[in-house]
Amino acid sequence: MVETMDELIARVQGQLYRLQDLTETTQGIRAEESSPDGAVTVTVDGNGALVGLEFSTAISKLSPADFERVLVETAHAAAYRAYAERAGAITAFNEANT
């Protein structure tokens, strides 16, 4: 419970600053994952959106089906890492506001 208007304003400003920090943190998330054979490297942002994709010469050894599988599995692993980092930031934000 707040006692004065100044305390209320200070509390709201603190929450706003934490929310801005959360926004900056989530916007800055980048997760990179490489396939075990190094053929594919995927980078995603905090929303799991693809922001980078690299192939090594090892892709020439993959069949089309294997290439598809490796690409999807690697992208999934990168998105999983990004979501985990984002979840950690959101959890920290929620804990700070309770």
PDB file of N, CA and C in Angstrom:
ATOM      1  N   MET A   1       0.852  -1.177   0.000  1.00  0.00           N
ATOM      2  CA  MET A   1       0.000   0.000   0.000  1.00  0.00           C
ATOM      3  C   MET A   1       0.892   1.232   0.000  1.00  0.00           C
ATOM      4  N   VAL A   2       0.537   2.202  -0.816  1.00  0.00           N
ATOM      5  CA  VAL A   2       1.295   3.450  -0.860  1.00  0.00           C
ATOM      6  C   VAL A   2       0.626   4.479   0.037  1.00  0.00           C
ATOM      7  N   GLU A   3       1.464   5.296   0.645  1.00  0.00           N
ATOM      8  CA  GLU A   3       0.959   6.283   1.600  1.00  0.00           C
ATOM      9  C   GLU A   3       0.767   7.654   0.966  1.00  0.00           C
ATOM     10  N   THR A   4       1.629   7.980  -0.013  1.00  0.00           N
ATOM     11  CA  THR A   4       1.553   9.316  -0.610  1.00  0.00           C
ATOM     12  C   THR A   4       1.580   9.204  -2.130  1.00  0.00           C
ATOM     13  N   MET A   5       1.223  10.291  -2.754  1.00  0.00           N
ATOM     14  CA  MET A   5       1.248  10.342  -4.206  1.00  0.00           C
ATOM     15  C   MET A   5       2.686  10.190  -4.717  1.00  0.00           C
ATOM     16  N   ASP A   6       3.649  10.753  -4.014  1.00  0.00           N
ATOM     17  CA  ASP A   6       5.058  10.627  -4.409  1.00  0.00           C
ATOM     18  C   ASP A   6       5.506   9.167  -4.406  1.00  0.00           C
ATOM     19  N   GLU A   7       5.071   8.411  -3.409  1.00  0.00           N
ATOM     20  CA  GLU A   7       5.418   6.997  -3.349  1.00  0.00           C
ATOM     21  C   GLU A   7       4.785   6.235  -4.510  1.00  0.00           C
ATOM     22  N   LEU A   8       3.553   6.587  -4.824  1.00  0.00           N
ATOM     23  CA  LEU A   8       2.868   5.947  -5.944  1.00  0.00           C
ATOM     24  C   LEU A   8       3.585   6.246  -7.250  1.00  0.00           C
ATOM     25  N   ILE A   9       3.956   7.482  -7.461  1.00  0.00           N
ATOM     26  CA  ILE A   9       4.662   7.869  -8.685  1.00  0.00           C
ATOM     27  C   ILE A   9       5.999   7.136  -8.775  1.00  0.00           C
ATOM     28  N   ALA A  10       6.723   7.083  -7.674  1.00  0.00           N
ATOM     29  CA  ALA A  10       8.015   6.391  -7.657  1.00  0.00           C
ATOM     30  C   ALA A  10       7.843   4.905  -7.971  1.00  0.00           C
ATOM     31  N   ARG A  11       6.808   4.305  -7.433  1.00  0.00           N
ATOM     32  CA  ARG A  11       6.547   2.883  -7.672  1.00  0.00           C
ATOM     33  C   ARG A  11       6.222   2.638  -9.145  1.00  0.00           C
ATOM     34  N   VAL A  12       5.365   3.471  -9.709  1.00  0.00           N
ATOM     35  CA  VAL A  12       4.985   3.317 -11.113  1.00  0.00           C
ATOM     36  C   VAL A  12       6.193   3.551 -12.025  1.00  0.00           C
ATOM     37  N   GLN A  13       7.002   4.554 -11.707  1.00  0.00           N
ATOM     38  CA  GLN A  13       8.200   4.807 -12.509  1.00  0.00           C
ATOM     39  C   GLN A  13       9.151   3.619 -12.452  1.00  0.00           C
ATOM     40  N   GLY A  14       9.316   3.040 -11.281  1.00  0.00           N
ATOM     41  CA  GLY A  14      10.170   1.857 -11.146  1.00  0.00           C
ATOM     42  C   GLY A  14       9.670   0.712 -12.008  1.00  0.00           C
ATOM     43  N   GLN A  15       8.363   0.501 -12.021  1.00  0.00           N
ATOM     44  CA  GLN A  15       7.788  -0.556 -12.850  1.00  0.00           C
ATOM     45  C   GLN A  15       7.982  -0.254 -14.335  1.00  0.00           C
ATOM     46  N   LEU A  16       7.833   0.995 -14.698  1.00  0.00           N
ATOM     47  CA  LEU A  16       8.039   1.386 -16.092  1.00  0.00           C
ATOM     48  C   LEU A  16       9.480   1.140 -16.521  1.00  0.00           C
ATOM     49  N   TYR A  17      10.437   1.498 -15.676  1.00  0.00           N
ATOM     50  CA  TYR A  17      11.844   1.266 -15.998  1.00  0.00           C
ATOM     51  C   TYR A  17      12.143  -0.221 -16.134  1.00  0.00           C
ATOM     52  N   ARG A  18      11.565  -1.046 -15.255  1.00  0.00           N
ATOM     53  CA  ARG A  18      11.772  -2.491 -15.364  1.00  0.00           C
ATOM     54  C   ARG A  18      11.151  -3.033 -16.645  1.00  0.00           C
ATOM     55  N   LEU A  19       9.995  -2.498 -17.029  1.00  0.00           N
ATOM     56  CA  LEU A  19       9.355  -2.927 -18.268  1.00  0.00           C
ATOM     57  C   LEU A  19      10.200  -2.525 -19.477  1.00  0.00           C
ATOM     58  N   GLN A  20      10.762  -1.326 -19.456  1.00  0.00           N
ATOM     59  CA  GLN A  20      11.652  -0.900 -20.540  1.00  0.00           C
ATOM     60  C   GLN A  20      12.888  -1.793 -20.605  1.00  0.00           C
ATOM     61  N   ASP A  21      13.435  -2.146 -19.455  1.00  0.00           N
ATOM     62  CA  ASP A  21      14.586  -3.056 -19.417  1.00  0.00           C
ATOM     63  C   ASP A  21      14.223  -4.418 -20.007  1.00  0.00           C
ATOM     64  N   LEU A  22      13.038  -4.920 -19.666  1.00  0.00           N
ATOM     65  CA  LEU A  22      12.589  -6.196 -20.209  1.00  0.00           C
ATOM     66  C   LEU A  22      12.464  -6.124 -21.722  1.00  0.00           C
ATOM     67  N   THR A  23      11.887  -5.038 -22.207  1.00  0.00           N
ATOM     68  CA  THR A  23      11.733  -4.866 -23.655  1.00  0.00           C
ATOM     69  C   THR A  23      13.087  -4.860 -24.347  1.00  0.00           C
ATOM     70  N   GLU A  24      14.035  -4.112 -23.802  1.00  0.00           N
ATOM     71  CA  GLU A  24      15.377  -4.061 -24.394  1.00  0.00           C
ATOM     72  C   GLU A  24      16.056  -5.423 -24.344  1.00  0.00           C
ATOM     73  N   THR A  25      15.873  -6.117 -23.237  1.00  0.00           N
ATOM     74  CA  THR A  25      16.482  -7.437 -23.095  1.00  0.00           C
ATOM     75  C   THR A  25      15.920  -8.408 -24.119  1.00  0.00           C
ATOM     76  N   THR A  26      14.597  -8.448 -24.245  1.00  0.00           N
ATOM     77  CA  THR A  26      13.997  -9.406 -25.185  1.00  0.00           C
ATOM     78  C   THR A  26      14.304  -9.046 -26.626  1.00  0.00           C
ATOM     79  N   GLN A  27      14.402  -7.760 -26.923  1.00  0.00           N
ATOM     80  CA  GLN A  27      14.751  -7.362 -28.286  1.00  0.00           C
ATOM     81  C   GLN A  27      16.203  -7.688 -28.621  1.00  0.00           C
ATOM     82  N   GLY A  28      17.035  -7.793 -27.606  1.00  0.00           N
ATOM     83  CA  GLY A  28      18.443  -8.082 -27.819  1.00  0.00           C
ATOM     84  C   GLY A  28      18.794  -9.556 -27.838  1.00  0.00           C
ATOM     85  N   ILE A  29      17.819 -10.406 -27.621  1.00  0.00           N
ATOM     86  CA  ILE A  29      18.101 -11.848 -27.581  1.00  0.00           C
ATOM     87  C   ILE A  29      18.437 -12.348 -28.978  1.00  0.00           C
ATOM     88  N   ARG A  30      19.538 -13.081 -29.042  1.00  0.00           N
ATOM     89  CA  ARG A  30      19.945 -13.782 -30.254  1.00  0.00           C
ATOM     90  C   ARG A  30      20.442 -15.153 -29.811  1.00  0.00           C
ATOM     91  N   ALA A  31      19.912 -16.187 -30.407  1.00  0.00           N
ATOM     92  CA  ALA A  31      20.350 -17.549 -30.091  1.00  0.00           C
ATOM     93  C   ALA A  31      20.850 -18.185 -31.376  1.00  0.00           C
ATOM     94  N   GLU A  32      22.048 -18.739 -31.294  1.00  0.00           N
ATOM     95  CA  GLU A  32      22.665 -19.379 -32.457  1.00  0.00           C
ATOM     96  C   GLU A  32      22.868 -20.846 -32.155  1.00  0.00           C
ATOM     97  N   GLU A  33      22.557 -21.661 -33.113  1.00  0.00           N
ATOM     98  CA  GLU A  33      22.723 -23.104 -32.954  1.00  0.00           C
ATOM     99  C   GLU A  33      23.294 -23.659 -34.256  1.00  0.00           C
ATOM    100  N   SER A  34      24.239 -24.573 -34.124  1.00  0.00           N
ATOM    101  CA  SER A  34      24.819 -25.250 -35.287  1.00  0.00           C
ATOM    102  C   SER A  34      24.456 -26.724 -35.243  1.00  0.00           C
ATOM    103  N   SER A  35      24.273 -27.302 -36.398  1.00  0.00           N
ATOM    104  CA  SER A  35      23.999 -28.738 -36.467  1.00  0.00           C
ATOM    105  C   SER A  35      25.250 -29.490 -36.011  1.00  0.00           C
ATOM    106  N   PRO A  36      25.082 -30.707 -35.537  1.00  0.00           N
ATOM    107  CA  PRO A  36      26.232 -31.472 -35.045  1.00  0.00           C
ATOM    108  C   PRO A  36      27.356 -31.623 -36.066  1.00  0.00           C
ATOM    109  N   ASP A  37      26.999 -31.707 -37.325  1.00  0.00           N
ATOM    110  CA  ASP A  37      28.028 -31.854 -38.364  1.00  0.00           C
ATOM    111  C   ASP A  37      28.567 -30.516 -38.868  1.00  0.00           C
ATOM    112  N   GLY A  38      28.012 -29.410 -38.354  1.00  0.00           N
ATOM    113  CA  GLY A  38      28.466 -28.085 -38.750  1.00  0.00           C
ATOM    114  C   GLY A  38      27.967 -27.622 -40.103  1.00  0.00           C
ATOM    115  N   ALA A  39      27.057 -28.376 -40.693  1.00  0.00           N
ATOM    116  CA  ALA A  39      26.557 -28.033 -42.023  1.00  0.00           C
ATOM    117  C   ALA A  39      25.665 -26.793 -41.995  1.00  0.00           C
ATOM    118  N   VAL A  40      24.901 -26.630 -40.931  1.00  0.00           N
ATOM    119  CA  VAL A  40      23.904 -25.556 -40.846  1.00  0.00           C
ATOM    120  C   VAL A  40      24.089 -24.798 -39.534  1.00  0.00           C
ATOM    121  N   THR A  41      24.059 -23.482 -39.619  1.00  0.00           N
ATOM    122  CA  THR A  41      24.046 -22.632 -38.426  1.00  0.00           C
ATOM    123  C   THR A  41      22.869 -21.683 -38.558  1.00  0.00           C
ATOM    124  N   VAL A  42      22.036 -21.655 -37.526  1.00  0.00           N
ATOM    125  CA  VAL A  42      20.823 -20.845 -37.524  1.00  0.00           C
ATOM    126  C   VAL A  42      20.901 -19.852 -36.368  1.00  0.00           C
ATOM    127  N   THR A  43      20.517 -18.611 -36.636  1.00  0.00           N
ATOM    128  CA  THR A  43      20.411 -17.595 -35.593  1.00  0.00           C
ATOM    129  C   THR A  43      18.985 -17.065 -35.607  1.00  0.00           C
ATOM    130  N   VAL A  44      18.388 -17.001 -34.406  1.00  0.00           N
ATOM    131  CA  VAL A  44      17.025 -16.488 -34.266  1.00  0.00           C
ATOM    132  C   VAL A  44      17.004 -15.390 -33.214  1.00  0.00           C
ATOM    133  N   ASP A  45      15.959 -14.563 -33.254  1.00  0.00           N
ATOM    134  CA  ASP A  45      15.796 -13.525 -32.241  1.00  0.00           C
ATOM    135  C   ASP A  45      14.932 -14.056 -31.094  1.00  0.00           C
ATOM    136  N   GLY A  46      14.595 -13.185 -30.169  1.00  0.00           N
ATOM    137  CA  GLY A  46      13.832 -13.583 -28.993  1.00  0.00           C
ATOM    138  C   GLY A  46      12.430 -14.064 -29.283  1.00  0.00           C
ATOM    139  N   ASN A  47      11.935 -13.802 -30.487  1.00  0.00           N
ATOM    140  CA  ASN A  47      10.620 -14.291 -30.900  1.00  0.00           C
ATOM    141  C   ASN A  47      10.717 -15.585 -31.691  1.00  0.00           C
ATOM    142  N   GLY A  48      11.944 -16.073 -31.866  1.00  0.00           N
ATOM    143  CA  GLY A  48      12.147 -17.281 -32.648  1.00  0.00           C
ATOM    144  C   GLY A  48      12.211 -17.028 -34.139  1.00  0.00           C
ATOM    145  N   ALA A  49      12.228 -15.750 -34.545  1.00  0.00           N
ATOM    146  CA  ALA A  49      12.286 -15.418 -35.973  1.00  0.00           C
ATOM    147  C   ALA A  49      13.713 -15.574 -36.487  1.00  0.00           C
ATOM    148  N   LEU A  50      13.847 -16.126 -37.654  1.00  0.00           N
ATOM    149  CA  LEU A  50      15.141 -16.339 -38.277  1.00  0.00           C
ATOM    150  C   LEU A  50      15.804 -15.003 -38.601  1.00  0.00           C
ATOM    151  N   VAL A  51      17.027 -14.812 -38.110  1.00  0.00           N
ATOM    152  CA  VAL A  51      17.778 -13.593 -38.412  1.00  0.00           C
ATOM    153  C   VAL A  51      19.126 -13.907 -39.052  1.00  0.00           C
ATOM    154  N   GLY A  52      19.491 -15.188 -39.100  1.00  0.00           N
ATOM    155  CA  GLY A  52      20.741 -15.577 -39.729  1.00  0.00           C
ATOM    156  C   GLY A  52      20.715 -17.048 -40.093  1.00  0.00           C
ATOM    157  N   LEU A  53      21.285 -17.357 -41.252  1.00  0.00           N
ATOM    158  CA  LEU A  53      21.335 -18.728 -41.730  1.00  0.00           C
ATOM    159  C   LEU A  53      22.623 -18.913 -42.511  1.00  0.00           C
ATOM    160  N   GLU A  54      23.437 -19.860 -42.074  1.00  0.00           N
ATOM    161  CA  GLU A  54      24.714 -20.112 -42.737  1.00  0.00           C
ATOM    162  C   GLU A  54      24.836 -21.600 -43.045  1.00  0.00           C
ATOM    163  N   PHE A  55      25.468 -21.875 -44.169  1.00  0.00           N
ATOM    164  CA  PHE A  55      25.726 -23.257 -44.574  1.00  0.00           C
ATOM    165  C   PHE A  55      27.216 -23.439 -44.783  1.00  0.00           C
ATOM    166  N   SER A  56      27.708 -24.596 -44.398  1.00  0.00           N
ATOM    167  CA  SER A  56      29.096 -24.929 -44.689  1.00  0.00           C
ATOM    168  C   SER A  56      29.112 -25.881 -45.885  1.00  0.00           C
ATOM    169  N   THR A  57      30.276 -26.203 -46.338  1.00  0.00           N
ATOM    170  CA  THR A  57      30.378 -27.120 -47.476  1.00  0.00           C
ATOM    171  C   THR A  57      29.874 -28.516 -47.127  1.00  0.00           C
ATOM    172  N   ALA A  58      29.688 -28.782 -45.844  1.00  0.00           N
ATOM    173  CA  ALA A  58      29.187 -30.091 -45.413  1.00  0.00           C
ATOM    174  C   ALA A  58      27.777 -30.370 -45.934  1.00  0.00           C
ATOM    175  N   ILE A  59      27.047 -29.347 -46.338  1.00  0.00           N
ATOM    176  CA  ILE A  59      25.694 -29.603 -46.861  1.00  0.00           C
ATOM    177  C   ILE A  59      25.732 -30.385 -48.157  1.00  0.00           C
ATOM    178  N   SER A  60      26.858 -30.341 -48.863  1.00  0.00           N
ATOM    179  CA  SER A  60      26.959 -31.074 -50.135  1.00  0.00           C
ATOM    180  C   SER A  60      26.898 -32.582 -49.922  1.00  0.00           C
ATOM    181  N   LYS A  61      27.132 -33.030 -48.706  1.00  0.00           N
ATOM    182  CA  LYS A  61      27.096 -34.459 -48.390  1.00  0.00           C
ATOM    183  C   LYS A  61      25.706 -34.921 -47.958  1.00  0.00           C
ATOM    184  N   LEU A  62      24.781 -33.979 -47.802  1.00  0.00           N
ATOM    185  CA  LEU A  62      23.442 -34.310 -47.328  1.00  0.00           C
ATOM    186  C   LEU A  62      22.480 -34.525 -48.487  1.00  0.00           C
ATOM    187  N   SER A  63      21.605 -35.500 -48.320  1.00  0.00           N
ATOM    188  CA  SER A  63      20.514 -35.668 -49.285  1.00  0.00           C
ATOM    189  C   SER A  63      19.516 -34.544 -49.043  1.00  0.00           C
ATOM    190  N   PRO A  64      18.624 -34.285 -49.994  1.00  0.00           N
ATOM    191  CA  PRO A  64      17.614 -33.247 -49.751  1.00  0.00           C
ATOM    192  C   PRO A  64      16.797 -33.500 -48.481  1.00  0.00           C
ATOM    193  N   ALA A  65      16.436 -34.738 -48.235  1.00  0.00           N
ATOM    194  CA  ALA A  65      15.653 -35.058 -47.041  1.00  0.00           C
ATOM    195  C   ALA A  65      16.472 -34.817 -45.770  1.00  0.00           C
ATOM    196  N   ASP A  66      17.741 -35.215 -45.794  1.00  0.00           N
ATOM    197  CA  ASP A  66      18.597 -34.984 -44.631  1.00  0.00           C
ATOM    198  C   ASP A  66      18.851 -33.493 -44.431  1.00  0.00           C
ATOM    199  N   PHE A  67      19.036 -32.766 -45.518  1.00  0.00           N
ATOM    200  CA  PHE A  67      19.229 -31.324 -45.421  1.00  0.00           C
ATOM    201  C   PHE A  67      18.015 -30.672 -44.748  1.00  0.00           C
ATOM    202  N   GLU A  68      16.829 -31.053 -45.201  1.00  0.00           N
ATOM    203  CA  GLU A  68      15.603 -30.508 -44.616  1.00  0.00           C
ATOM    204  C   GLU A  68      15.519 -30.831 -43.128  1.00  0.00           C
ATOM    205  N   ARG A  69      15.799 -32.077 -42.767  1.00  0.00           N
ATOM    206  CA  ARG A  69      15.729 -32.503 -41.371  1.00  0.00           C
ATOM    207  C   ARG A  69      16.738 -31.733 -40.518  1.00  0.00           C
ATOM    208  N   VAL A  70      17.975 -31.623 -40.989  1.00  0.00           N
ATOM    209  CA  VAL A  70      19.019 -30.928 -40.235  1.00  0.00           C
ATOM    210  C   VAL A  70      18.666 -29.452 -40.079  1.00  0.00           C
ATOM    211  N   LEU A  71      18.174 -28.842 -41.133  1.00  0.00           N
ATOM    212  CA  LEU A  71      17.797 -27.431 -41.074  1.00  0.00           C
ATOM    213  C   LEU A  71      16.683 -27.198 -40.056  1.00  0.00           C
ATOM    214  N   VAL A  72      15.645 -27.990 -40.113  1.00  0.00           N
ATOM    215  CA  VAL A  72      14.507 -27.829 -39.202  1.00  0.00           C
ATOM    216  C   VAL A  72      14.915 -28.126 -37.763  1.00  0.00           C
ATOM    217  N   GLU A  73      15.678 -29.184 -37.546  1.00  0.00           N
ATOM    218  CA  GLU A  73      16.114 -29.509 -36.182  1.00  0.00           C
ATOM    219  C   GLU A  73      17.009 -28.421 -35.600  1.00  0.00           C
ATOM    220  N   THR A  74      17.886 -27.872 -36.424  1.00  0.00           N
ATOM    221  CA  THR A  74      18.791 -26.829 -35.950  1.00  0.00           C
ATOM    222  C   THR A  74      18.019 -25.544 -35.658  1.00  0.00           C
ATOM    223  N   ALA A  75      17.084 -25.191 -36.512  1.00  0.00           N
ATOM    224  CA  ALA A  75      16.249 -24.011 -36.274  1.00  0.00           C
ATOM    225  C   ALA A  75      15.418 -24.193 -35.012  1.00  0.00           C
ATOM    226  N   HIS A  76      14.900 -25.385 -34.809  1.00  0.00           N
ATOM    227  CA  HIS A  76      14.118 -25.675 -33.610  1.00  0.00           C
ATOM    228  C   HIS A  76      14.979 -25.509 -32.359  1.00  0.00           C
ATOM    229  N   ALA A  77      16.191 -26.017 -32.396  1.00  0.00           N
ATOM    230  CA  ALA A  77      17.087 -25.911 -31.237  1.00  0.00           C
ATOM    231  C   ALA A  77      17.422 -24.445 -30.939  1.00  0.00           C
ATOM    232  N   ALA A  78      17.644 -23.652 -31.973  1.00  0.00           N
ATOM    233  CA  ALA A  78      17.937 -22.227 -31.777  1.00  0.00           C
ATOM    234  C   ALA A  78      16.728 -21.511 -31.181  1.00  0.00           C
ATOM    235  N   ALA A  79      15.551 -21.799 -31.698  1.00  0.00           N
ATOM    236  CA  ALA A  79      14.333 -21.167 -31.176  1.00  0.00           C
ATOM    237  C   ALA A  79      14.096 -21.581 -29.726  1.00  0.00           C
ATOM    238  N   TYR A  80      14.355 -22.826 -29.404  1.00  0.00           N
ATOM    239  CA  TYR A  80      14.192 -23.312 -28.032  1.00  0.00           C
ATOM    240  C   TYR A  80      15.099 -22.532 -27.084  1.00  0.00           C
ATOM    241  N   ARG A  81      16.343 -22.325 -27.481  1.00  0.00           N
ATOM    242  CA  ARG A  81      17.282 -21.565 -26.646  1.00  0.00           C
ATOM    243  C   ARG A  81      16.819 -20.121 -26.494  1.00  0.00           C
ATOM    244  N   ALA A  82      16.341 -19.507 -27.578  1.00  0.00           N
ATOM    245  CA  ALA A  82      15.867 -18.125 -27.516  1.00  0.00           C
ATOM    246  C   ALA A  82      14.658 -18.005 -26.599  1.00  0.00           C
ATOM    247  N   TYR A  83      13.728 -18.952 -26.711  1.00  0.00           N
ATOM    248  CA  TYR A  83      12.535 -18.920 -25.860  1.00  0.00           C
ATOM    249  C   TYR A  83      12.909 -19.117 -24.397  1.00  0.00           C
ATOM    250  N   ALA A  84      13.876 -19.970 -24.134  1.00  0.00           N
ATOM    251  CA  ALA A  84      14.313 -20.193 -22.753  1.00  0.00           C
ATOM    252  C   ALA A  84      14.930 -18.922 -22.177  1.00  0.00           C
ATOM    253  N   GLU A  85      15.725 -18.233 -22.979  1.00  0.00           N
ATOM    254  CA  GLU A  85      16.324 -16.978 -22.506  1.00  0.00           C
ATOM    255  C   GLU A  85      15.243 -15.924 -22.272  1.00  0.00           C
ATOM    256  N   ARG A  86      14.300 -15.856 -23.184  1.00  0.00           N
ATOM    257  CA  ARG A  86      13.192 -14.903 -23.029  1.00  0.00           C
ATOM    258  C   ARG A  86      12.351 -15.229 -21.802  1.00  0.00           C
ATOM    259  N   ALA A  87      12.089 -16.502 -21.576  1.00  0.00           N
ATOM    260  CA  ALA A  87      11.314 -16.917 -20.401  1.00  0.00           C
ATOM    261  C   ALA A  87      12.034 -16.540 -19.113  1.00  0.00           C
ATOM    262  N   GLY A  88      13.347 -16.684 -19.104  1.00  0.00           N
ATOM    263  CA  GLY A  88      14.119 -16.289 -17.931  1.00  0.00           C
ATOM    264  C   GLY A  88      14.010 -14.802 -17.653  1.00  0.00           C
ATOM    265  N   ALA A  89      14.062 -13.996 -18.708  1.00  0.00           N
ATOM    266  CA  ALA A  89      13.931 -12.547 -18.539  1.00  0.00           C
ATOM    267  C   ALA A  89      12.541 -12.174 -18.027  1.00  0.00           C
ATOM    268  N   ILE A  90      11.518 -12.823 -18.545  1.00  0.00           N
ATOM    269  CA  ILE A  90      10.145 -12.540 -18.115  1.00  0.00           C
ATOM    270  C   ILE A  90       9.932 -12.988 -16.672  1.00  0.00           C
ATOM    271  N   THR A  91      10.483 -14.135 -16.312  1.00  0.00           N
ATOM    272  CA  THR A  91      10.367 -14.611 -14.940  1.00  0.00           C
ATOM    273  C   THR A  91      11.027 -13.644 -13.973  1.00  0.00           C
ATOM    274  N   ALA A  92      12.219 -13.166 -14.324  1.00  0.00           N
ATOM    275  CA  ALA A  92      12.915 -12.198 -13.470  1.00  0.00           C
ATOM    276  C   ALA A  92      12.098 -10.909 -13.332  1.00  0.00           C
ATOM    277  N   PHE A  93      11.501 -10.464 -14.428  1.00  0.00           N
ATOM    278  CA  PHE A  93      10.663  -9.269 -14.415  1.00  0.00           C
ATOM    279  C   PHE A  93       9.471  -9.481 -13.485  1.00  0.00           C
ATOM    280  N   ASN A  94       8.793 -10.617 -13.626  1.00  0.00           N
ATOM    281  CA  ASN A  94       7.624 -10.888 -12.785  1.00  0.00           C
ATOM    282  C   ASN A  94       7.984 -10.982 -11.308  1.00  0.00           C
ATOM    283  N   GLU A  95       9.106 -11.622 -11.012  1.00  0.00           N
ATOM    284  CA  GLU A  95       9.530 -11.737  -9.622  1.00  0.00           C
ATOM    285  C   GLU A  95       9.863 -10.373  -9.022  1.00  0.00           C
ATOM    286  N   ALA A  96      10.414  -9.475  -9.826  1.00  0.00           N
ATOM    287  CA  ALA A  96      10.764  -8.139  -9.339  1.00  0.00           C
ATOM    288  C   ALA A  96       9.511  -7.310  -9.082  1.00  0.00           C
ATOM    289  N   ASN A  97       8.404  -7.670  -9.700  1.00  0.00           N
ATOM    290  CA  ASN A  97       7.175  -6.897  -9.556  1.00  0.00           C
ATOM    291  C   ASN A  97       6.188  -7.492  -8.561  1.00  0.00           C
ATOM    292  N   THR A  98       6.613  -8.493  -7.826  1.00  0.00           N
ATOM    293  CA  THR A  98       5.685  -9.073  -6.841  1.00  0.00           C
ATOM    294  C   THR A  98       6.050  -8.637  -5.440  1.00  0.00           C
TER     295      THR A  98
END
